[in-house]
Amino acid sequence: MPSKEQYDACLSAFPILFEHFYKDGHVSDKLFEEHGIPKDIDIFGSVRVCNAGMTQENQQQAKTLIKLKSIRGRRK
């Protein structure tokens, strides 16, 4: 569960994060961190780095919201 500070940071950063998502189709971990939202942590308590490379594509898709461009790309 996020702390009050993390929750507030998420609310205040939402417009900027949404703008980046709408433009790029995803939001980088770096941008989350710049706005006070910490990186993901795995079940062992280690920081999980989410690189957007080809090897991580299956994990990244779950983090992105559906966009028309993504839908069209999956149809091909």
Protein backbone atom coordinates (compact mmCIF):
# COMPACT_ATOMS: atom_id res chain seq x y z
CA MET A 1 0.00 0.00 0.00
CA PRO A 2 1.41 3.42 -0.92
CA SER A 3 2.22 5.98 1.73
CA LYS A 4 0.24 9.23 1.92
CA GLU A 5 3.19 11.06 0.32
CA GLN A 6 3.36 8.54 -2.56
CA TYR A 7 -0.39 8.77 -3.09
CA ASP A 8 -0.29 12.57 -3.14
CA ALA A 9 2.70 12.55 -5.52
CA CYS A 10 0.78 10.28 -7.89
CA LEU A 11 -2.29 12.54 -7.84
CA SER A 12 -0.28 15.70 -8.44
CA ALA A 13 1.79 14.10 -11.24
CA PHE A 14 -1.17 12.45 -12.99
CA PRO A 15 -1.73 15.17 -15.64
CA ILE A 16 1.94 15.11 -16.68
CA LEU A 17 2.14 11.31 -16.63
CA PHE A 18 -1.05 11.04 -18.67
CA GLU A 19 0.26 13.55 -21.21
CA HIS A 20 3.44 11.47 -21.69
CA PHE A 21 1.42 8.27 -21.93
CA TYR A 22 -0.93 9.77 -24.51
CA LYS A 23 2.01 11.01 -26.59
CA ASP A 24 4.37 8.01 -26.25
CA GLY A 25 2.12 5.08 -25.29
CA HIS A 26 3.98 4.52 -22.02
CA VAL A 27 5.49 6.33 -19.04
CA SER A 28 9.14 5.67 -18.23
CA ASP A 29 10.30 4.67 -14.76
CA LYS A 30 12.56 7.75 -14.82
CA LEU A 31 9.56 10.06 -15.22
CA PHE A 32 7.74 8.33 -12.35
CA GLU A 33 10.81 8.79 -10.14
CA GLU A 34 11.17 12.47 -11.11
CA HIS A 35 7.69 13.01 -9.68
CA GLY A 36 8.28 11.16 -6.40
CA ILE A 37 6.77 7.81 -7.37
CA PRO A 38 9.18 4.99 -6.39
CA LYS A 39 10.24 2.13 -8.63
CA ASP A 40 8.45 -1.22 -8.50
CA ILE A 41 9.71 -3.74 -5.95
CA ASP A 42 9.57 -7.50 -6.50
CA ILE A 43 8.44 -10.09 -3.96
CA PHE A 44 11.98 -10.24 -2.53
CA GLY A 45 12.13 -6.49 -1.87
CA SER A 46 14.53 -5.77 -4.73
CA VAL A 47 13.98 -2.83 -7.05
CA ARG A 48 12.58 -4.01 -10.37
CA VAL A 49 14.02 -2.16 -13.36
CA CYS A 50 11.57 -2.01 -16.27
CA ASN A 51 13.63 -1.58 -19.41
CA ALA A 52 11.54 -1.20 -22.54
CA GLY A 53 13.70 -3.51 -24.65
CA MET A 54 12.51 -6.40 -26.78
CA THR A 55 13.16 -8.91 -23.99
CA GLN A 56 10.83 -6.97 -21.70
CA GLU A 57 8.06 -6.40 -24.23
CA ASN A 58 5.66 -8.93 -22.67
CA GLN A 59 5.97 -7.24 -19.27
CA GLN A 60 5.70 -3.70 -20.64
CA GLN A 61 2.49 -4.35 -22.55
CA ALA A 62 0.69 -5.11 -19.30
CA LYS A 63 1.70 -1.68 -17.95
CA THR A 64 0.39 0.33 -20.90
CA LEU A 65 -3.18 1.36 -21.43
CA ILE A 66 -4.76 0.46 -24.77
CA LYS A 67 -4.30 2.94 -27.58
CA LEU A 68 -5.62 2.72 -31.13
CA LYS A 69 -2.07 2.56 -32.49
CA SER A 70 -1.31 -0.43 -30.23
CA ILE A 71 -4.50 -2.18 -31.25
CA ARG A 72 -3.75 -1.69 -34.95
CA GLY A 73 -0.19 -2.97 -34.43
CA ARG A 74 -1.39 -6.18 -32.79
CA ARG A 75 -3.82 -6.88 -35.63
CA LYS A 76 -0.98 -7.18 -38.18
